[in-house]
């Protein structure tokens, strides 16, 4: 009996420490995303909610000069969409899924950013009963693009 009691307290402390550590890790804030969008854009608001649900901390700046923001961050004209975001040094243009942004931050490729050009049906924030196939593209500072994924 004494041996069990001696093990009981240390095991309880170890269990609380491990479980407590997971609880702290689960509450750790996600990456900070700064979003620039038109004040009246409903799909942009839905995309922001998509990011927040995935754990990102989002700061939104409504702007009437989105084209200037895109130019400032070097978004190639052929890749433009309805909002531009910045996360940890990368540009995120359009309705890029949260898991793709997480992959980008994990892999850290030498690119300027990722984009989902236009407003494809079925992309986050553009939910649809008839989703379209769309591509997630990377771009560099020279405007060179390549496919990073498809949905």
N, C-alpha and C. Protein backbone atom coordinates (compact mmCIF):
# COMPACT_ATOMS: atom_id res chain seq x y z
N UNK A 1 0.80 -1.20 0.00
CA UNK A 1 0.00 0.00 0.00
C UNK A 1 0.84 1.26 0.00
N UNK A 2 1.89 1.29 0.79
CA UNK A 2 2.72 2.49 0.88
C UNK A 2 3.36 2.78 -0.47
N UNK A 3 3.82 1.75 -1.17
CA UNK A 3 4.46 1.95 -2.47
C UNK A 3 3.48 2.60 -3.46
N UNK A 4 2.23 2.19 -3.40
CA UNK A 4 1.25 2.78 -4.31
C UNK A 4 1.03 4.25 -4.01
N UNK A 5 0.96 4.60 -2.79
CA UNK A 5 0.75 6.01 -2.42
C UNK A 5 1.96 6.85 -2.83
N UNK A 6 3.15 6.29 -2.72
CA UNK A 6 4.33 7.04 -3.10
C UNK A 6 4.33 7.30 -4.61
N UNK A 7 3.84 6.37 -5.39
CA UNK A 7 3.78 6.56 -6.84
C UNK A 7 2.60 7.43 -7.24
N UNK A 8 1.54 7.39 -6.46
CA UNK A 8 0.32 8.10 -6.82
C UNK A 8 0.51 9.60 -6.96
N UNK A 9 1.12 10.24 -6.00
CA UNK A 9 1.29 11.70 -6.05
C UNK A 9 2.18 12.14 -7.21
N UNK A 10 3.37 11.51 -7.40
CA UNK A 10 4.19 11.92 -8.55
C UNK A 10 3.49 11.69 -9.89
N UNK A 11 2.74 10.60 -10.02
CA UNK A 11 2.04 10.34 -11.27
C UNK A 11 0.96 11.39 -11.52
N UNK A 12 0.26 11.78 -10.46
CA UNK A 12 -0.77 12.81 -10.60
C UNK A 12 -0.14 14.13 -11.04
N UNK A 13 0.96 14.50 -10.44
CA UNK A 13 1.65 15.74 -10.82
C UNK A 13 2.13 15.66 -12.26
N UNK A 14 2.70 14.52 -12.66
CA UNK A 14 3.18 14.36 -14.04
C UNK A 14 2.03 14.43 -15.03
N UNK A 15 0.91 13.80 -14.68
CA UNK A 15 -0.25 13.83 -15.57
C UNK A 15 -0.79 15.25 -15.73
N UNK A 16 -0.92 15.97 -14.64
CA UNK A 16 -1.40 17.35 -14.70
C UNK A 16 -0.44 18.21 -15.51
N UNK A 17 0.86 18.01 -15.34
CA UNK A 17 1.84 18.80 -16.08
C UNK A 17 1.73 18.54 -17.58
N UNK A 18 1.59 17.27 -17.96
CA UNK A 18 1.50 16.93 -19.38
C UNK A 18 0.19 17.46 -19.97
N UNK A 19 -0.92 17.19 -19.32
CA UNK A 19 -2.21 17.67 -19.82
C UNK A 19 -2.25 19.19 -19.83
N UNK A 20 -1.73 19.80 -18.79
CA UNK A 20 -1.68 21.26 -18.74
C UNK A 20 -0.84 21.83 -19.87
N UNK A 21 0.25 21.15 -20.21
CA UNK A 21 1.10 21.60 -21.32
C UNK A 21 0.35 21.56 -22.64
N UNK A 22 -0.45 20.51 -22.84
CA UNK A 22 -1.25 20.44 -24.07
C UNK A 22 -2.29 21.55 -24.09
N UNK A 23 -2.89 21.84 -22.95
CA UNK A 23 -3.89 22.90 -22.91
C UNK A 23 -3.27 24.24 -23.25
N UNK A 24 -2.07 24.50 -22.76
CA UNK A 24 -1.38 25.75 -23.07
C UNK A 24 -1.04 25.81 -24.55
N UNK A 25 -0.55 24.70 -25.10
CA UNK A 25 -0.20 24.67 -26.52
C UNK A 25 -1.44 24.87 -27.39
N UNK A 26 -2.57 24.30 -26.99
CA UNK A 26 -3.78 24.44 -27.78
C UNK A 26 -4.28 25.88 -27.79
N UNK A 27 -3.98 26.64 -26.74
CA UNK A 27 -4.44 28.03 -26.68
C UNK A 27 -3.44 29.00 -27.26
N UNK A 28 -2.29 28.53 -27.68
CA UNK A 28 -1.27 29.43 -28.22
C UNK A 28 -1.84 30.14 -29.44
N UNK A 29 -1.64 31.45 -29.53
CA UNK A 29 -2.19 32.19 -30.67
C UNK A 29 -1.54 31.76 -31.98
N UNK A 30 -2.35 31.76 -33.04
CA UNK A 30 -1.85 31.41 -34.36
C UNK A 30 -1.15 32.59 -35.01
N UNK A 31 -0.67 32.39 -36.22
CA UNK A 31 0.02 33.47 -36.94
C UNK A 31 -0.90 34.67 -37.16
N UNK A 32 -0.30 35.84 -37.19
CA UNK A 32 -1.03 37.09 -37.43
C UNK A 32 -1.13 37.35 -38.92
N UNK A 33 -2.34 37.56 -39.40
CA UNK A 33 -2.61 37.86 -40.81
C UNK A 33 -3.21 39.25 -40.89
N UNK A 34 -2.66 40.09 -41.75
CA UNK A 34 -3.22 41.41 -42.00
C UNK A 34 -3.92 41.37 -43.35
N UNK A 35 -5.21 41.70 -43.35
CA UNK A 35 -6.03 41.62 -44.56
C UNK A 35 -6.45 43.02 -44.99
N UNK A 36 -6.31 43.28 -46.29
CA UNK A 36 -6.77 44.53 -46.90
C UNK A 36 -7.91 44.17 -47.84
N UNK A 37 -9.06 44.83 -47.66
CA UNK A 37 -10.24 44.50 -48.45
C UNK A 37 -11.14 45.71 -48.61
N UNK A 38 -12.08 45.60 -49.53
CA UNK A 38 -13.11 46.62 -49.70
C UNK A 38 -14.07 46.54 -48.51
N UNK A 39 -14.55 47.68 -48.02
CA UNK A 39 -15.46 47.67 -46.87
C UNK A 39 -16.76 46.90 -47.13
N UNK A 40 -17.17 46.79 -48.37
CA UNK A 40 -18.46 46.17 -48.68
C UNK A 40 -18.36 44.72 -49.15
N UNK A 41 -17.19 44.13 -49.13
CA UNK A 41 -17.00 42.79 -49.68
C UNK A 41 -17.43 41.70 -48.69
N UNK A 42 -18.54 41.03 -49.00
CA UNK A 42 -19.04 39.97 -48.14
C UNK A 42 -18.22 38.70 -48.19
N UNK A 43 -17.72 38.34 -49.37
CA UNK A 43 -16.93 37.11 -49.46
C UNK A 43 -15.60 37.26 -48.73
N UNK A 44 -15.07 38.47 -48.68
CA UNK A 44 -13.83 38.71 -47.94
C UNK A 44 -14.05 38.47 -46.45
N UNK A 45 -15.20 38.92 -45.95
CA UNK A 45 -15.54 38.70 -44.53
C UNK A 45 -15.62 37.21 -44.24
N UNK A 46 -16.21 36.44 -45.16
CA UNK A 46 -16.30 34.99 -44.97
C UNK A 46 -14.91 34.35 -44.99
N UNK A 47 -14.01 34.85 -45.83
CA UNK A 47 -12.65 34.31 -45.88
C UNK A 47 -11.92 34.60 -44.57
N UNK A 48 -12.12 35.80 -44.03
CA UNK A 48 -11.53 36.15 -42.73
C UNK A 48 -12.03 35.18 -41.66
N UNK A 49 -13.33 34.90 -41.65
CA UNK A 49 -13.89 33.95 -40.68
C UNK A 49 -13.27 32.56 -40.86
N UNK A 50 -13.04 32.16 -42.11
CA UNK A 50 -12.38 30.88 -42.41
C UNK A 50 -10.99 30.83 -41.77
N UNK A 51 -10.24 31.92 -41.90
CA UNK A 51 -8.90 31.97 -41.29
C UNK A 51 -8.99 31.92 -39.77
N UNK A 52 -9.91 32.67 -39.20
CA UNK A 52 -10.06 32.70 -37.74
C UNK A 52 -10.44 31.32 -37.21
N UNK A 53 -11.31 30.62 -37.91
CA UNK A 53 -11.69 29.27 -37.51
C UNK A 53 -10.48 28.33 -37.52
N UNK A 54 -9.55 28.58 -38.43
CA UNK A 54 -8.33 27.76 -38.54
C UNK A 54 -7.26 28.19 -37.53
N UNK A 55 -7.55 29.20 -36.71
CA UNK A 55 -6.62 29.59 -35.65
C UNK A 55 -5.77 30.81 -35.93
N UNK A 56 -5.93 31.43 -37.08
CA UNK A 56 -5.16 32.63 -37.39
C UNK A 56 -5.74 33.83 -36.63
N UNK A 57 -4.86 34.73 -36.23
CA UNK A 57 -5.28 36.02 -35.67
C UNK A 57 -5.32 36.99 -36.85
N UNK A 58 -6.44 37.64 -37.06
CA UNK A 58 -6.63 38.45 -38.26
C UNK A 58 -6.92 39.90 -37.91
N UNK A 59 -6.19 40.79 -38.55
CA UNK A 59 -6.45 42.23 -38.47
C UNK A 59 -6.92 42.66 -39.85
N UNK A 60 -8.08 43.33 -39.91
CA UNK A 60 -8.66 43.73 -41.18
C UNK A 60 -8.55 45.23 -41.36
N UNK A 61 -8.11 45.63 -42.55
CA UNK A 61 -8.06 47.04 -42.94
C UNK A 61 -8.96 47.22 -44.15
N UNK A 62 -10.07 47.93 -43.97
CA UNK A 62 -10.92 48.27 -45.10
C UNK A 62 -10.26 49.40 -45.87
N UNK A 63 -10.24 49.28 -47.19
CA UNK A 63 -9.60 50.29 -48.02
C UNK A 63 -10.37 50.48 -49.33
N UNK A 64 -10.35 51.69 -49.82
CA UNK A 64 -10.96 51.96 -51.13
C UNK A 64 -9.89 51.97 -52.22
N UNK A 65 -8.65 51.71 -51.84
CA UNK A 65 -7.54 51.72 -52.80
C UNK A 65 -6.82 50.37 -52.81
N UNK A 66 -7.58 49.31 -53.01
CA UNK A 66 -7.01 47.96 -52.99
C UNK A 66 -5.98 47.77 -54.09
N UNK A 67 -6.17 48.39 -55.24
CA UNK A 67 -5.19 48.26 -56.33
C UNK A 67 -3.83 48.79 -55.88
N UNK A 68 -3.82 49.85 -55.10
CA UNK A 68 -2.57 50.38 -54.58
C UNK A 68 -1.90 49.43 -53.60
N UNK A 69 -2.71 48.75 -52.79
CA UNK A 69 -2.18 47.76 -51.85
C UNK A 69 -1.54 46.61 -52.62
N UNK A 70 -2.24 46.13 -53.66
CA UNK A 70 -1.71 45.03 -54.47
C UNK A 70 -0.39 45.44 -55.13
N UNK A 71 -0.33 46.66 -55.62
CA UNK A 71 0.91 47.15 -56.24
C UNK A 71 2.02 47.25 -55.20
N UNK A 72 1.68 47.74 -54.02
CA UNK A 72 2.67 47.88 -52.94
C UNK A 72 3.31 46.54 -52.60
N UNK A 73 2.51 45.48 -52.60
CA UNK A 73 3.01 44.16 -52.23
C UNK A 73 3.45 43.31 -53.42
N UNK A 74 3.42 43.89 -54.62
CA UNK A 74 3.95 43.20 -55.79
C UNK A 74 3.11 42.07 -56.34
N UNK A 75 1.79 42.17 -56.16
CA UNK A 75 0.91 41.13 -56.69
C UNK A 75 0.82 41.30 -58.21
N UNK A 76 1.20 40.27 -58.98
CA UNK A 76 1.08 40.38 -60.44
C UNK A 76 -0.38 40.62 -60.85
N UNK A 77 -0.57 41.49 -61.81
CA UNK A 77 -1.92 41.87 -62.23
C UNK A 77 -2.78 40.66 -62.60
N UNK A 78 -2.18 39.64 -63.21
CA UNK A 78 -2.95 38.47 -63.64
C UNK A 78 -3.42 37.59 -62.47
N UNK A 79 -2.92 37.88 -61.26
CA UNK A 79 -3.28 37.07 -60.09
C UNK A 79 -4.23 37.78 -59.13
N UNK A 80 -4.66 38.98 -59.46
CA UNK A 80 -5.43 39.76 -58.50
C UNK A 80 -6.78 39.12 -58.19
N UNK A 81 -7.26 39.45 -56.99
CA UNK A 81 -8.56 38.98 -56.52
C UNK A 81 -9.21 40.12 -55.75
N UNK A 82 -10.07 39.80 -54.80
CA UNK A 82 -10.82 40.85 -54.11
C UNK A 82 -10.23 41.26 -52.77
N UNK A 83 -9.18 40.61 -52.32
CA UNK A 83 -8.50 41.04 -51.09
C UNK A 83 -7.05 40.59 -51.12
N UNK A 84 -6.23 41.28 -50.35
CA UNK A 84 -4.80 40.99 -50.25
C UNK A 84 -4.47 40.86 -48.77
N UNK A 85 -3.67 39.87 -48.43
CA UNK A 85 -3.27 39.67 -47.04
C UNK A 85 -1.76 39.50 -46.96
N UNK A 86 -1.24 39.74 -45.77
CA UNK A 86 0.18 39.55 -45.51
C UNK A 86 0.31 38.73 -44.23
N UNK A 87 1.15 37.69 -44.29
CA UNK A 87 1.39 36.85 -43.12
C UNK A 87 2.86 36.45 -43.10
N UNK A 88 3.54 36.83 -42.06
CA UNK A 88 4.94 36.44 -41.82
C UNK A 88 5.84 36.64 -43.05
N UNK A 89 5.68 37.79 -43.71
CA UNK A 89 6.53 38.13 -44.84
C UNK A 89 6.03 37.65 -46.19
N UNK A 90 4.95 36.89 -46.22
CA UNK A 90 4.37 36.41 -47.47
C UNK A 90 3.10 37.18 -47.81
N UNK A 91 2.85 37.34 -49.10
CA UNK A 91 1.61 37.94 -49.58
C UNK A 91 0.64 36.80 -49.89
N UNK A 92 -0.60 36.98 -49.51
CA UNK A 92 -1.65 36.00 -49.80
C UNK A 92 -2.75 36.76 -50.55
N UNK A 93 -2.91 36.43 -51.82
CA UNK A 93 -3.88 37.13 -52.67
C UNK A 93 -5.09 36.24 -52.93
N UNK A 94 -6.26 36.74 -52.56
CA UNK A 94 -7.49 36.04 -52.86
C UNK A 94 -7.85 34.96 -51.86
N UNK A 95 -8.73 34.07 -52.30
CA UNK A 95 -9.37 33.08 -51.44
C UNK A 95 -8.50 31.83 -51.23
N UNK A 96 -7.30 32.02 -50.74
CA UNK A 96 -6.38 30.91 -50.48
C UNK A 96 -6.85 30.16 -49.23
N UNK A 97 -6.99 28.83 -49.29
CA UNK A 97 -7.42 28.07 -48.11
C UNK A 97 -6.41 28.18 -46.96
N UNK A 98 -6.94 28.15 -45.74
CA UNK A 98 -6.10 28.28 -44.54
C UNK A 98 -5.03 27.20 -44.47
N UNK A 99 -5.36 25.96 -44.86
CA UNK A 99 -4.35 24.89 -44.78
C UNK A 99 -3.20 25.13 -45.75
N UNK A 100 -3.46 25.82 -46.85
CA UNK A 100 -2.39 26.15 -47.79
C UNK A 100 -1.48 27.22 -47.17
N UNK A 101 -2.06 28.16 -46.46
CA UNK A 101 -1.24 29.18 -45.78
C UNK A 101 -0.40 28.52 -44.69
N UNK A 102 -0.98 27.57 -43.97
CA UNK A 102 -0.22 26.85 -42.95
C UNK A 102 0.93 26.07 -43.59
N UNK A 103 0.67 25.46 -44.72
CA UNK A 103 1.74 24.74 -45.45
C UNK A 103 2.83 25.70 -45.88
N UNK A 104 2.44 26.86 -46.40
CA UNK A 104 3.39 27.88 -46.82
C UNK A 104 4.31 28.28 -45.66
N UNK A 105 3.72 28.51 -44.49
CA UNK A 105 4.50 28.94 -43.33
C UNK A 105 5.40 27.82 -42.81
N UNK A 106 5.00 26.58 -43.01
CA UNK A 106 5.83 25.45 -42.60
C UNK A 106 6.99 25.23 -43.56
N UNK A 107 6.70 25.27 -44.87
CA UNK A 107 7.72 24.99 -45.88
C UNK A 107 8.65 26.18 -46.13
N UNK A 108 8.14 27.39 -45.98
CA UNK A 108 8.90 28.64 -46.16
C UNK A 108 9.66 28.69 -47.50
N UNK A 109 8.96 28.50 -48.63
CA UNK A 109 9.65 28.58 -49.93
C UNK A 109 10.12 30.00 -50.21
N UNK A 110 11.08 30.12 -51.09
CA UNK A 110 11.62 31.43 -51.45
C UNK A 110 10.76 32.04 -52.56
N UNK A 111 9.61 32.55 -52.16
CA UNK A 111 8.65 33.19 -53.06
C UNK A 111 8.14 34.46 -52.39
N UNK A 112 7.43 35.27 -53.16
CA UNK A 112 6.81 36.46 -52.58
C UNK A 112 5.46 36.13 -51.95
N UNK A 113 4.74 35.18 -52.57
CA UNK A 113 3.44 34.85 -52.02
C UNK A 113 2.69 33.80 -52.80
N UNK A 114 1.43 33.61 -52.39
CA UNK A 114 0.53 32.66 -53.02
C UNK A 114 -0.75 33.39 -53.41
N UNK A 115 -1.45 32.84 -54.40
CA UNK A 115 -2.67 33.49 -54.87
C UNK A 115 -3.67 32.48 -55.40
N UNK A 116 -4.93 32.82 -55.20
CA UNK A 116 -6.04 32.19 -55.90
C UNK A 116 -6.67 33.32 -56.71
N UNK A 117 -6.32 33.41 -57.99
CA UNK A 117 -6.83 34.52 -58.81
C UNK A 117 -8.35 34.50 -58.95
N UNK A 118 -8.92 35.70 -59.06
CA UNK A 118 -10.36 35.82 -59.25
C UNK A 118 -11.13 35.42 -58.01
N UNK A 119 -12.30 34.90 -58.22
CA UNK A 119 -13.19 34.52 -57.12
C UNK A 119 -13.85 33.19 -57.46
N UNK A 120 -13.08 32.08 -57.44
CA UNK A 120 -13.63 30.79 -57.87
C UNK A 120 -14.67 30.23 -56.91
N UNK A 121 -15.75 29.73 -57.47
CA UNK A 121 -16.80 29.10 -56.67
C UNK A 121 -16.21 27.90 -55.94
N UNK A 122 -16.50 27.81 -54.65
CA UNK A 122 -16.02 26.70 -53.85
C UNK A 122 -14.78 27.00 -53.03
N UNK A 123 -14.10 28.09 -53.33
CA UNK A 123 -12.95 28.48 -52.51
C UNK A 123 -13.47 29.03 -51.18
N UNK A 124 -12.65 29.02 -50.12
CA UNK A 124 -13.11 29.55 -48.83
C UNK A 124 -13.62 30.99 -48.98
N UNK A 125 -14.83 31.21 -48.48
CA UNK A 125 -15.47 32.51 -48.61
C UNK A 125 -16.34 32.60 -49.85
N UNK A 126 -16.16 31.64 -50.75
CA UNK A 126 -16.94 31.59 -52.01
C UNK A 126 -17.66 30.25 -52.10
N UNK A 127 -18.16 29.77 -50.96
CA UNK A 127 -18.81 28.47 -50.91
C UNK A 127 -19.92 28.39 -51.95
N UNK A 128 -20.09 27.19 -52.51
CA UNK A 128 -21.05 27.01 -53.59
C UNK A 128 -21.51 25.56 -53.64
N UNK A 129 -22.75 25.36 -54.09
CA UNK A 129 -23.25 24.00 -54.30
C UNK A 129 -22.56 23.34 -55.49
N UNK A 130 -22.04 24.17 -56.39
CA UNK A 130 -21.33 23.65 -57.57
C UNK A 130 -19.93 24.25 -57.62
N UNK A 131 -19.02 23.73 -56.76
CA UNK A 131 -17.67 24.29 -56.73
C UNK A 131 -16.92 24.05 -58.03
N UNK A 132 -16.10 25.01 -58.38
CA UNK A 132 -15.25 24.91 -59.57
C UNK A 132 -13.85 24.47 -59.15
N UNK A 133 -13.15 23.82 -60.04
CA UNK A 133 -11.74 23.50 -59.78
C UNK A 133 -10.95 24.79 -59.90
N UNK A 134 -10.03 24.99 -58.95
CA UNK A 134 -9.20 26.19 -59.01
C UNK A 134 -7.78 25.84 -58.58
N UNK A 135 -6.87 26.73 -58.94
CA UNK A 135 -5.45 26.51 -58.65
C UNK A 135 -4.94 27.55 -57.66
N UNK A 136 -4.05 27.09 -56.80
CA UNK A 136 -3.31 27.98 -55.90
C UNK A 136 -1.94 28.15 -56.55
N UNK A 137 -1.58 29.39 -56.81
CA UNK A 137 -0.33 29.68 -57.51
C UNK A 137 0.65 30.39 -56.59
N UNK A 138 1.93 30.16 -56.81
CA UNK A 138 2.96 30.95 -56.14
C UNK A 138 3.41 32.03 -57.11
N UNK A 139 3.98 33.09 -56.57
CA UNK A 139 4.59 34.11 -57.42
C UNK A 139 5.82 34.66 -56.72
N UNK A 140 6.79 35.08 -57.54
CA UNK A 140 8.00 35.67 -56.97
C UNK A 140 8.01 37.17 -57.27
N UNK A 141 9.08 37.83 -56.88
CA UNK A 141 9.17 39.28 -57.05
C UNK A 141 9.22 39.70 -58.52
N UNK A 142 9.55 38.76 -59.42
CA UNK A 142 9.58 39.06 -60.85
C UNK A 142 8.26 38.77 -61.54
N UNK A 143 7.28 38.23 -60.79
CA UNK A 143 5.99 37.90 -61.36
C UNK A 143 5.90 36.50 -61.94
N UNK A 144 6.95 35.71 -61.77
CA UNK A 144 6.95 34.32 -62.25
C UNK A 144 6.01 33.51 -61.36
N UNK A 145 5.17 32.70 -61.99
CA UNK A 145 4.20 31.91 -61.23
C UNK A 145 4.43 30.42 -61.43
N UNK A 146 3.95 29.65 -60.47
CA UNK A 146 3.92 28.19 -60.61
C UNK A 146 2.77 27.66 -59.75
N UNK A 147 2.34 26.46 -60.06
CA UNK A 147 1.21 25.85 -59.34
C UNK A 147 1.71 25.31 -58.01
N UNK A 148 1.01 25.66 -56.93
CA UNK A 148 1.32 25.21 -55.58
C UNK A 148 0.31 24.17 -55.11
N UNK A 149 -0.84 24.15 -55.77
CA UNK A 149 -1.87 23.19 -55.42
C UNK A 149 -3.12 23.43 -56.23
N UNK A 150 -4.08 22.52 -56.09
CA UNK A 150 -5.36 22.64 -56.78
C UNK A 150 -6.45 22.07 -55.90
N UNK A 151 -7.63 22.57 -56.09
CA UNK A 151 -8.80 22.07 -55.34
C UNK A 151 -9.95 21.85 -56.28
